[in-house]
N, C-alpha and C. Protein backbone atom coordinates (compact mmCIF):
# COMPACT_ATOMS: atom_id res chain seq x y z
N MET A 1 107.77 107.27 144.52
CA MET A 1 107.49 106.46 143.34
C MET A 1 106.80 107.32 142.30
N ASP A 2 107.30 107.28 141.08
CA ASP A 2 106.67 108.11 140.04
C ASP A 2 105.41 107.45 139.51
N ASP A 3 104.66 108.17 138.64
CA ASP A 3 103.39 107.67 138.12
C ASP A 3 103.53 106.36 137.35
N PHE A 4 104.65 106.22 136.62
CA PHE A 4 104.84 105.01 135.83
C PHE A 4 104.96 103.81 136.77
N GLU A 5 105.73 103.94 137.84
CA GLU A 5 105.90 102.83 138.77
C GLU A 5 104.61 102.51 139.50
N ALA A 6 103.75 103.50 139.68
CA ALA A 6 102.48 103.28 140.38
C ALA A 6 101.48 102.56 139.50
N GLY A 7 101.85 102.29 138.24
CA GLY A 7 100.96 101.55 137.36
C GLY A 7 100.04 102.44 136.54
N GLU A 8 100.18 103.76 136.67
CA GLU A 8 99.33 104.66 135.91
C GLU A 8 99.86 104.75 134.48
N ILE A 9 98.98 104.53 133.52
CA ILE A 9 99.38 104.55 132.12
C ILE A 9 99.39 106.00 131.65
N GLN A 10 100.50 106.39 131.03
CA GLN A 10 100.63 107.75 130.52
C GLN A 10 100.48 107.72 129.00
N PRO A 11 99.73 108.64 128.42
CA PRO A 11 99.66 108.71 126.95
C PRO A 11 101.02 109.12 126.39
N HIS A 12 101.25 108.77 125.15
CA HIS A 12 102.48 109.14 124.47
C HIS A 12 102.57 110.66 124.49
N PRO A 13 103.73 111.24 124.86
CA PRO A 13 103.83 112.69 124.99
C PRO A 13 103.50 113.43 123.70
N ASN A 14 103.82 112.86 122.55
CA ASN A 14 103.51 113.55 121.29
C ASN A 14 102.02 113.65 121.05
N LEU A 15 101.23 112.67 121.53
CA LEU A 15 99.79 112.73 121.31
C LEU A 15 99.14 113.82 122.15
N GLN A 16 99.75 114.15 123.29
CA GLN A 16 99.20 115.22 124.12
C GLN A 16 99.37 116.56 123.43
N SER A 17 100.39 116.71 122.61
CA SER A 17 100.65 118.00 121.98
C SER A 17 100.09 118.07 120.55
N ALA A 18 99.34 117.06 120.12
CA ALA A 18 98.77 117.08 118.78
C ALA A 18 97.78 118.24 118.65
N THR A 19 97.90 118.98 117.58
CA THR A 19 97.02 120.10 117.30
C THR A 19 95.67 119.57 116.85
N THR A 20 94.60 120.07 117.45
CA THR A 20 93.26 119.67 117.05
C THR A 20 92.81 120.59 115.92
N CYS A 21 92.46 119.97 114.80
CA CYS A 21 92.11 120.74 113.59
C CYS A 21 90.62 120.86 113.38
N GLY A 22 89.79 120.28 114.26
CA GLY A 22 88.36 120.31 114.04
C GLY A 22 87.96 119.30 112.97
N ALA A 23 86.93 119.66 112.20
CA ALA A 23 86.44 118.75 111.15
C ALA A 23 87.36 118.82 109.93
N LEU A 24 87.79 117.64 109.48
CA LEU A 24 88.60 117.52 108.27
C LEU A 24 87.68 117.22 107.08
N PRO A 25 88.04 117.61 105.86
CA PRO A 25 87.15 117.41 104.72
C PRO A 25 87.22 115.98 104.14
N PHE A 26 87.11 114.98 105.01
CA PHE A 26 87.11 113.60 104.59
C PHE A 26 85.72 112.99 104.82
N LEU A 27 85.33 112.09 103.94
CA LEU A 27 84.11 111.31 104.09
C LEU A 27 84.42 109.88 103.64
N ILE A 28 84.06 108.90 104.47
CA ILE A 28 84.18 107.51 104.07
C ILE A 28 82.77 107.05 103.74
N GLN A 29 82.53 106.73 102.48
CA GLN A 29 81.20 106.31 102.05
C GLN A 29 80.92 104.87 102.49
N ARG A 30 79.66 104.50 102.45
CA ARG A 30 79.23 103.16 102.85
C ARG A 30 79.94 102.06 102.10
N ASP A 31 80.31 102.30 100.85
CA ASP A 31 80.98 101.26 100.05
C ASP A 31 82.48 101.22 100.29
N GLY A 32 82.99 102.03 101.23
CA GLY A 32 84.42 102.03 101.56
C GLY A 32 85.23 103.04 100.79
N THR A 33 84.60 103.83 99.91
CA THR A 33 85.32 104.85 99.16
C THR A 33 85.64 106.03 100.07
N TRP A 34 86.90 106.44 100.07
CA TRP A 34 87.34 107.61 100.83
C TRP A 34 87.28 108.82 99.91
N LEU A 35 86.64 109.88 100.38
CA LEU A 35 86.56 111.14 99.64
C LEU A 35 87.32 112.21 100.40
N TYR A 36 88.01 113.06 99.64
CA TYR A 36 88.66 114.25 100.20
C TYR A 36 88.10 115.45 99.44
N ARG A 37 87.46 116.32 100.15
CA ARG A 37 86.79 117.49 99.55
C ARG A 37 85.87 117.07 98.41
N GLY A 38 85.17 115.95 98.61
CA GLY A 38 84.18 115.47 97.65
C GLY A 38 84.72 114.62 96.51
N SER A 39 86.04 114.49 96.40
CA SER A 39 86.64 113.71 95.31
C SER A 39 87.21 112.41 95.86
N PRO A 40 87.01 111.29 95.15
CA PRO A 40 87.55 110.02 95.63
C PRO A 40 89.08 110.04 95.66
N ILE A 41 89.63 109.43 96.71
CA ILE A 41 91.08 109.24 96.77
C ILE A 41 91.35 107.94 96.01
N ARG A 42 92.00 108.04 94.87
CA ARG A 42 92.17 106.89 93.99
C ARG A 42 93.45 106.09 94.27
N ARG A 43 94.38 106.65 94.97
CA ARG A 43 95.63 105.95 95.26
C ARG A 43 95.46 105.11 96.54
N LYS A 44 95.40 103.80 96.35
CA LYS A 44 95.18 102.91 97.51
C LYS A 44 96.22 103.08 98.61
N PRO A 45 97.50 103.26 98.30
CA PRO A 45 98.46 103.48 99.40
C PRO A 45 98.12 104.68 100.27
N MET A 46 97.55 105.73 99.66
CA MET A 46 97.13 106.89 100.46
C MET A 46 95.96 106.53 101.37
N VAL A 47 94.98 105.79 100.83
CA VAL A 47 93.87 105.36 101.65
C VAL A 47 94.35 104.51 102.81
N CYS A 48 95.27 103.59 102.53
CA CYS A 48 95.81 102.71 103.59
C CYS A 48 96.55 103.54 104.65
N LEU A 49 97.28 104.57 104.21
CA LEU A 49 97.98 105.43 105.15
C LEU A 49 97.00 106.16 106.06
N PHE A 50 95.98 106.78 105.47
CA PHE A 50 94.96 107.46 106.26
C PHE A 50 94.25 106.48 107.20
N ALA A 51 93.93 105.29 106.68
CA ALA A 51 93.25 104.28 107.48
C ALA A 51 94.04 103.88 108.72
N SER A 52 95.37 103.89 108.59
CA SER A 52 96.21 103.51 109.74
C SER A 52 96.14 104.54 110.86
N THR A 53 95.69 105.76 110.57
CA THR A 53 95.60 106.80 111.59
C THR A 53 94.18 106.96 112.13
N LEU A 54 93.25 106.16 111.64
CA LEU A 54 91.84 106.28 112.02
C LEU A 54 91.60 105.80 113.44
N ARG A 55 90.88 106.59 114.22
CA ARG A 55 90.52 106.24 115.60
C ARG A 55 89.02 106.48 115.77
N ARG A 56 88.45 105.80 116.77
CA ARG A 56 87.03 106.01 117.12
C ARG A 56 86.95 106.46 118.56
N ASP A 57 86.26 107.56 118.80
CA ASP A 57 86.18 108.08 120.17
C ASP A 57 85.10 107.38 120.96
N ALA A 58 85.03 107.69 122.24
CA ALA A 58 84.09 107.02 123.14
C ALA A 58 82.63 107.30 122.78
N GLN A 59 82.35 108.38 122.06
CA GLN A 59 80.99 108.70 121.67
C GLN A 59 80.61 108.08 120.32
N GLY A 60 81.57 107.40 119.64
CA GLY A 60 81.30 106.75 118.37
C GLY A 60 81.74 107.53 117.16
N GLY A 61 82.28 108.75 117.36
CA GLY A 61 82.76 109.55 116.24
C GLY A 61 84.13 109.06 115.78
N TYR A 62 84.52 109.46 114.60
CA TYR A 62 85.80 109.04 114.02
C TYR A 62 86.71 110.25 113.83
N ARG A 63 88.01 109.97 113.93
CA ARG A 63 89.01 111.01 113.70
C ARG A 63 90.26 110.39 113.10
N LEU A 64 91.01 111.22 112.38
CA LEU A 64 92.34 110.86 111.92
C LEU A 64 93.29 111.50 112.93
N GLN A 65 94.24 110.71 113.42
CA GLN A 65 95.13 111.20 114.47
C GLN A 65 96.57 110.80 114.19
N THR A 66 97.42 111.79 114.10
CA THR A 66 98.86 111.56 113.98
C THR A 66 99.50 112.18 115.22
N PRO A 67 100.81 111.97 115.43
CA PRO A 67 101.45 112.64 116.56
C PRO A 67 101.42 114.17 116.46
N VAL A 68 101.19 114.71 115.26
CA VAL A 68 101.24 116.15 115.06
C VAL A 68 99.87 116.80 115.10
N GLU A 69 98.84 116.15 114.51
CA GLU A 69 97.52 116.76 114.45
C GLU A 69 96.43 115.69 114.44
N GLN A 70 95.24 116.15 114.77
CA GLN A 70 94.08 115.27 114.73
C GLN A 70 92.85 116.09 114.34
N GLY A 71 91.91 115.40 113.67
CA GLY A 71 90.67 116.05 113.27
C GLY A 71 89.60 115.02 113.01
N THR A 72 88.36 115.44 113.17
CA THR A 72 87.22 114.53 112.99
C THR A 72 86.93 114.36 111.52
N ILE A 73 86.37 113.19 111.18
CA ILE A 73 85.93 112.91 109.82
C ILE A 73 84.54 112.30 109.86
N GLU A 74 83.89 112.29 108.72
CA GLU A 74 82.54 111.71 108.64
C GLU A 74 82.63 110.31 108.02
N VAL A 75 81.88 109.39 108.63
CA VAL A 75 81.80 108.00 108.15
C VAL A 75 80.35 107.64 108.01
N GLU A 76 79.93 107.23 106.81
CA GLU A 76 78.51 106.92 106.58
C GLU A 76 78.03 105.67 107.31
N ASP A 77 78.86 104.64 107.38
CA ASP A 77 78.48 103.39 108.04
C ASP A 77 79.66 102.93 108.87
N ALA A 78 80.42 101.96 108.38
CA ALA A 78 81.66 101.53 109.02
C ALA A 78 82.80 102.03 108.14
N PRO A 79 83.96 102.30 108.73
CA PRO A 79 85.03 102.87 107.91
C PRO A 79 85.69 101.87 106.95
N PHE A 80 85.52 100.58 107.20
CA PHE A 80 86.14 99.57 106.35
C PHE A 80 85.08 98.60 105.83
N VAL A 81 85.43 97.87 104.77
CA VAL A 81 84.54 96.86 104.20
C VAL A 81 85.34 95.57 104.08
N ALA A 82 84.78 94.48 104.60
CA ALA A 82 85.39 93.16 104.42
C ALA A 82 84.98 92.65 103.05
N THR A 83 85.97 92.54 102.16
CA THR A 83 85.69 92.25 100.74
C THR A 83 86.01 90.82 100.34
N GLU A 84 86.76 90.09 101.17
CA GLU A 84 87.10 88.72 100.84
C GLU A 84 87.02 87.86 102.09
N LEU A 85 86.76 86.56 101.87
CA LEU A 85 86.70 85.59 102.97
C LEU A 85 87.49 84.35 102.57
N GLU A 86 88.31 83.90 103.48
CA GLU A 86 88.98 82.58 103.35
C GLU A 86 88.69 81.84 104.64
N TRP A 87 88.56 80.53 104.54
CA TRP A 87 88.34 79.74 105.73
C TRP A 87 89.08 78.44 105.60
N HIS A 88 89.43 77.89 106.75
CA HIS A 88 89.99 76.54 106.78
C HIS A 88 89.51 75.86 108.04
N GLY A 89 89.54 74.54 108.00
CA GLY A 89 89.02 73.76 109.12
C GLY A 89 87.52 73.62 109.02
N CYS A 90 86.95 73.00 110.02
CA CYS A 90 85.50 72.83 110.05
C CYS A 90 85.03 72.75 111.49
N GLY A 91 83.73 72.85 111.65
CA GLY A 91 83.14 72.80 112.98
C GLY A 91 83.64 73.95 113.87
N ARG A 92 83.72 73.68 115.16
CA ARG A 92 84.14 74.71 116.12
C ARG A 92 85.54 75.23 115.86
N GLY A 93 86.39 74.39 115.30
CA GLY A 93 87.77 74.80 115.06
C GLY A 93 87.98 75.55 113.75
N GLN A 94 86.93 75.76 112.99
CA GLN A 94 87.02 76.52 111.73
C GLN A 94 87.59 77.91 112.00
N VAL A 95 88.39 78.42 111.06
CA VAL A 95 88.91 79.78 111.18
C VAL A 95 88.48 80.56 109.96
N LEU A 96 87.81 81.68 110.18
CA LEU A 96 87.34 82.57 109.13
C LEU A 96 88.26 83.79 109.08
N SER A 97 88.88 84.04 107.94
CA SER A 97 89.76 85.18 107.76
C SER A 97 89.17 86.12 106.73
N PHE A 98 89.09 87.39 107.08
CA PHE A 98 88.54 88.42 106.20
C PHE A 98 89.63 89.37 105.76
N ARG A 99 89.58 89.80 104.51
CA ARG A 99 90.46 90.85 104.02
C ARG A 99 89.62 92.10 103.80
N THR A 100 90.10 93.24 104.29
CA THR A 100 89.35 94.48 104.14
C THR A 100 89.78 95.21 102.88
N ASN A 101 89.06 96.26 102.57
CA ASN A 101 89.37 97.10 101.42
C ASN A 101 90.69 97.85 101.58
N VAL A 102 91.31 97.83 102.77
CA VAL A 102 92.64 98.41 102.96
C VAL A 102 93.67 97.31 103.20
N ASP A 103 93.35 96.08 102.73
CA ASP A 103 94.24 94.94 102.76
C ASP A 103 94.65 94.48 104.15
N GLN A 104 93.84 94.75 105.14
CA GLN A 104 94.09 94.22 106.48
C GLN A 104 93.38 92.89 106.59
N VAL A 105 94.07 91.86 107.14
CA VAL A 105 93.47 90.56 107.32
C VAL A 105 93.10 90.39 108.78
N ILE A 106 91.85 90.00 109.02
CA ILE A 106 91.32 89.83 110.37
C ILE A 106 90.73 88.45 110.49
N CYS A 107 91.11 87.72 111.52
CA CYS A 107 90.54 86.39 111.77
C CYS A 107 89.45 86.53 112.83
N ALA A 108 88.24 86.15 112.48
CA ALA A 108 87.13 86.22 113.44
C ALA A 108 87.41 85.29 114.62
N GLY A 109 87.08 85.75 115.79
CA GLY A 109 87.29 84.96 116.99
C GLY A 109 87.04 85.81 118.22
N PRO A 110 87.54 85.39 119.37
CA PRO A 110 87.27 86.12 120.60
C PRO A 110 87.70 87.59 120.58
N SER A 111 88.83 87.89 119.92
CA SER A 111 89.31 89.27 119.87
C SER A 111 88.73 90.07 118.71
N HIS A 112 88.15 89.38 117.74
CA HIS A 112 87.59 90.03 116.56
C HIS A 112 86.22 89.40 116.25
N PRO A 113 85.21 89.72 117.08
CA PRO A 113 83.89 89.12 116.89
C PRO A 113 83.17 89.65 115.65
N ILE A 114 82.28 88.80 115.14
CA ILE A 114 81.35 89.20 114.09
C ILE A 114 80.07 89.65 114.81
N ARG A 115 79.60 90.85 114.46
CA ARG A 115 78.39 91.38 115.07
C ARG A 115 77.33 91.50 113.98
N CYS A 116 76.14 91.02 114.30
CA CYS A 116 75.05 91.06 113.33
C CYS A 116 73.74 91.19 114.12
N ASP A 117 72.87 92.10 113.70
CA ASP A 117 71.54 92.18 114.33
C ASP A 117 70.69 91.06 113.77
N TRP A 118 71.09 89.84 114.11
CA TRP A 118 70.51 88.61 113.57
C TRP A 118 69.07 88.40 113.99
N ASP A 119 68.66 88.98 115.08
CA ASP A 119 67.31 88.73 115.58
C ASP A 119 66.29 89.76 115.08
N VAL A 120 66.72 90.64 114.14
CA VAL A 120 65.78 91.58 113.53
C VAL A 120 65.08 90.85 112.39
N PRO A 121 63.74 90.82 112.39
CA PRO A 121 63.04 90.13 111.30
C PRO A 121 63.39 90.79 109.96
N CYS A 122 63.55 89.95 108.93
CA CYS A 122 63.98 90.47 107.61
C CYS A 122 63.01 91.50 107.04
N GLU A 123 61.72 91.40 107.36
CA GLU A 123 60.77 92.38 106.85
C GLU A 123 61.10 93.76 107.39
N SER A 124 61.69 93.84 108.60
CA SER A 124 62.00 95.12 109.21
C SER A 124 63.30 95.72 108.74
N CYS A 125 64.18 94.90 108.16
CA CYS A 125 65.50 95.42 107.82
C CYS A 125 65.74 95.48 106.32
N GLY A 126 64.75 95.29 105.51
CA GLY A 126 64.92 95.44 104.06
C GLY A 126 65.71 94.31 103.43
N THR A 127 67.02 94.47 103.36
CA THR A 127 67.87 93.50 102.67
C THR A 127 68.38 92.39 103.59
N GLY A 128 67.96 92.36 104.81
CA GLY A 128 68.46 91.36 105.75
C GLY A 128 69.50 91.99 106.68
N PRO A 129 69.89 91.26 107.68
CA PRO A 129 70.82 91.81 108.67
C PRO A 129 72.18 92.11 108.01
N VAL A 130 72.81 93.16 108.48
CA VAL A 130 74.13 93.54 108.00
C VAL A 130 75.16 93.13 109.06
N PRO A 131 76.10 92.26 108.68
CA PRO A 131 77.13 91.86 109.65
C PRO A 131 78.36 92.77 109.60
N TYR A 132 79.04 92.87 110.73
CA TYR A 132 80.27 93.65 110.86
C TYR A 132 81.29 92.80 111.58
N ILE A 133 82.56 93.07 111.34
CA ILE A 133 83.62 92.40 112.10
C ILE A 133 84.48 93.47 112.78
N HIS A 134 84.84 93.16 114.00
CA HIS A 134 85.66 94.03 114.85
C HIS A 134 87.08 94.06 114.24
N VAL A 135 87.54 95.24 113.87
CA VAL A 135 88.88 95.40 113.32
C VAL A 135 89.87 95.73 114.43
N ARG A 136 89.55 96.75 115.23
CA ARG A 136 90.40 97.11 116.36
C ARG A 136 89.57 97.88 117.39
N ASP A 137 90.09 97.96 118.59
CA ASP A 137 89.37 98.66 119.66
C ASP A 137 89.34 100.16 119.38
N GLY A 138 88.28 100.79 119.88
CA GLY A 138 88.19 102.23 119.85
C GLY A 138 88.64 102.77 121.19
N ASP A 139 88.44 104.07 121.41
CA ASP A 139 88.84 104.68 122.67
C ASP A 139 87.85 104.35 123.80
N GLY A 140 86.65 103.94 123.43
CA GLY A 140 85.64 103.58 124.43
C GLY A 140 85.14 102.18 124.13
N ALA A 141 83.85 101.95 124.39
CA ALA A 141 83.27 100.63 124.20
C ALA A 141 83.01 100.30 122.72
N LEU A 142 82.95 101.31 121.86
CA LEU A 142 82.64 101.08 120.46
C LEU A 142 83.91 100.84 119.66
N PRO A 143 83.96 99.68 118.95
CA PRO A 143 85.18 99.38 118.18
C PRO A 143 85.17 100.01 116.79
N VAL A 144 86.30 99.97 116.13
CA VAL A 144 86.41 100.28 114.72
C VAL A 144 86.05 98.97 114.01
N GLU A 145 85.09 99.02 113.08
CA GLU A 145 84.59 97.79 112.44
C GLU A 145 84.68 97.87 110.93
N ALA A 146 84.56 96.69 110.32
CA ALA A 146 84.41 96.59 108.86
C ALA A 146 83.03 95.98 108.60
N ARG A 147 82.29 96.60 107.71
CA ARG A 147 81.02 96.02 107.27
C ARG A 147 81.36 94.86 106.32
N ILE A 148 80.71 93.73 106.52
CA ILE A 148 80.95 92.57 105.67
C ILE A 148 80.11 92.74 104.42
N ALA A 149 80.80 92.83 103.27
CA ALA A 149 80.13 93.06 101.98
C ALA A 149 79.12 91.96 101.71
N ARG A 150 78.10 92.29 100.98
CA ARG A 150 77.01 91.33 100.71
C ARG A 150 77.52 90.03 100.08
N PRO A 151 78.43 90.05 99.06
CA PRO A 151 78.90 88.77 98.51
C PRO A 151 79.63 87.90 99.57
N VAL A 152 80.35 88.56 100.46
CA VAL A 152 81.05 87.84 101.52
C VAL A 152 80.03 87.28 102.52
N TYR A 153 78.98 88.04 102.77
CA TYR A 153 77.90 87.55 103.65
C TYR A 153 77.27 86.28 103.07
N TYR A 154 77.09 86.25 101.74
CA TYR A 154 76.53 85.04 101.13
C TYR A 154 77.47 83.85 101.30
N GLU A 155 78.78 84.10 101.24
CA GLU A 155 79.73 83.01 101.51
C GLU A 155 79.60 82.53 102.95
N LEU A 156 79.42 83.46 103.88
CA LEU A 156 79.20 83.08 105.28
C LEU A 156 77.93 82.26 105.43
N ALA A 157 76.87 82.70 104.73
CA ALA A 157 75.60 81.99 104.81
C ALA A 157 75.75 80.54 104.34
N ALA A 158 76.60 80.33 103.34
CA ALA A 158 76.83 78.97 102.84
C ALA A 158 77.53 78.10 103.88
N LEU A 159 78.25 78.74 104.80
CA LEU A 159 78.97 78.02 105.85
C LEU A 159 78.14 77.89 107.14
N ALA A 160 76.98 78.55 107.18
CA ALA A 160 76.18 78.62 108.39
C ALA A 160 75.64 77.26 108.81
N VAL A 161 75.57 77.09 110.12
CA VAL A 161 75.02 75.88 110.73
C VAL A 161 73.98 76.29 111.77
N ALA A 162 73.12 75.37 112.09
CA ALA A 162 72.10 75.65 113.13
C ALA A 162 72.78 75.71 114.48
N GLY A 163 72.29 76.61 115.30
CA GLY A 163 72.81 76.74 116.65
C GLY A 163 71.83 77.50 117.52
N HIS A 164 72.27 77.86 118.69
CA HIS A 164 71.45 78.64 119.62
C HIS A 164 72.31 79.78 120.16
N HIS A 165 71.68 80.92 120.33
CA HIS A 165 72.35 82.06 120.96
C HIS A 165 71.36 82.65 121.96
N ARG A 166 71.77 82.67 123.21
CA ARG A 166 70.90 83.15 124.31
C ARG A 166 69.57 82.40 124.31
N GLY A 167 69.64 81.10 123.99
CA GLY A 167 68.48 80.24 124.03
C GLY A 167 67.57 80.33 122.82
N VAL A 168 67.95 81.10 121.83
CA VAL A 168 67.12 81.29 120.63
C VAL A 168 67.77 80.53 119.47
N PRO A 169 66.96 79.71 118.74
CA PRO A 169 67.54 79.01 117.59
C PRO A 169 67.90 79.99 116.49
N CYS A 170 69.07 79.77 115.88
CA CYS A 170 69.54 80.67 114.83
C CYS A 170 70.51 79.93 113.93
N LEU A 171 70.88 80.59 112.85
CA LEU A 171 71.93 80.12 111.97
C LEU A 171 73.15 81.00 112.20
N GLY A 172 74.32 80.38 112.22
CA GLY A 172 75.54 81.15 112.44
C GLY A 172 76.76 80.38 111.98
N VAL A 173 77.90 80.97 112.24
CA VAL A 173 79.16 80.38 111.83
C VAL A 173 80.09 80.26 113.03
N TRP A 174 80.99 79.29 112.97
CA TRP A 174 82.02 79.11 113.97
C TRP A 174 83.34 79.66 113.45
N SER A 175 84.11 80.26 114.35
CA SER A 175 85.48 80.63 114.04
C SER A 175 86.23 80.70 115.34
N GLN A 176 87.35 79.98 115.40
CA GLN A 176 88.18 79.94 116.60
C GLN A 176 87.39 79.60 117.86
N ASN A 177 86.52 78.58 117.75
CA ASN A 177 85.72 78.06 118.87
C ASN A 177 84.70 79.05 119.40
N VAL A 178 84.31 80.03 118.60
CA VAL A 178 83.26 80.99 118.99
C VAL A 178 82.15 80.91 117.94
N PHE A 179 80.90 80.84 118.39
CA PHE A 179 79.74 80.80 117.50
C PHE A 179 79.22 82.22 117.31
N PHE A 180 79.07 82.64 116.07
CA PHE A 180 78.56 83.97 115.73
C PHE A 180 77.22 83.84 115.03
N PRO A 181 76.12 84.25 115.68
CA PRO A 181 74.80 84.14 115.03
C PRO A 181 74.67 85.15 113.89
N LEU A 182 74.11 84.67 112.78
CA LEU A 182 73.91 85.53 111.60
C LEU A 182 72.46 85.85 111.33
N SER A 183 71.56 84.89 111.58
CA SER A 183 70.15 85.14 111.32
C SER A 183 69.29 84.23 112.18
N ALA A 184 68.09 84.71 112.46
CA ALA A 184 67.13 83.90 113.21
C ALA A 184 66.69 82.75 112.31
N MET A 185 66.34 81.63 112.93
CA MET A 185 65.82 80.50 112.15
C MET A 185 64.46 80.89 111.59
N PRO A 186 64.19 80.49 110.34
CA PRO A 186 62.88 80.82 109.76
C PRO A 186 61.76 80.19 110.60
N ALA A 187 60.67 80.92 110.73
CA ALA A 187 59.52 80.42 111.48
C ALA A 187 58.92 79.23 110.73
N GLU A 188 58.33 78.33 111.47
CA GLU A 188 57.66 77.18 110.86
C GLU A 188 56.58 77.66 109.90
N GLY A 189 56.53 77.05 108.73
CA GLY A 189 55.50 77.37 107.76
C GLY A 189 55.86 78.52 106.83
N CYS A 190 57.00 79.22 107.10
CA CYS A 190 57.42 80.34 106.22
C CYS A 190 58.37 79.79 105.17
N SER A 191 58.33 80.38 104.01
CA SER A 191 59.27 79.97 102.96
C SER A 191 60.04 81.15 102.43
């Protein structure tokens, strides 16, 4: 019985022969701007093409990978930004759909959770918790994510309802029958 029949997954043969180029002169800034050698890439189709080759390794680093070559790149925060929100339905059945700066649409739910350090007190985090949405899996436990832009976060806050997460009262949103905590409930007597 060969390896395939034994259930062992084999990587695509072209990916095994990809030339490793080391560090590539790309930087993705916190606001989602892609830079090449310090200059912004202004053609959105080029950014979308590069974004389609983006991978995250098991240690959390990022790389661009094609069947021919691969190389590491620098990312200041998350490689994508969720810039728009649409929702339909209400309550547990509500569906939240996000559009990223590379025009990918992601529906929050079991496969695409919203992550937010909601239990960090606002005094400790400056502008409040920063939420992220899972775009796709990485090579390890860390996914490729999109940071939810502040205006979109305010739209989420308008949809927030009271709930509990791990026994702690919080405000959060529902999408596809999953509750995503966004912030801790304000303490009694605080305004």
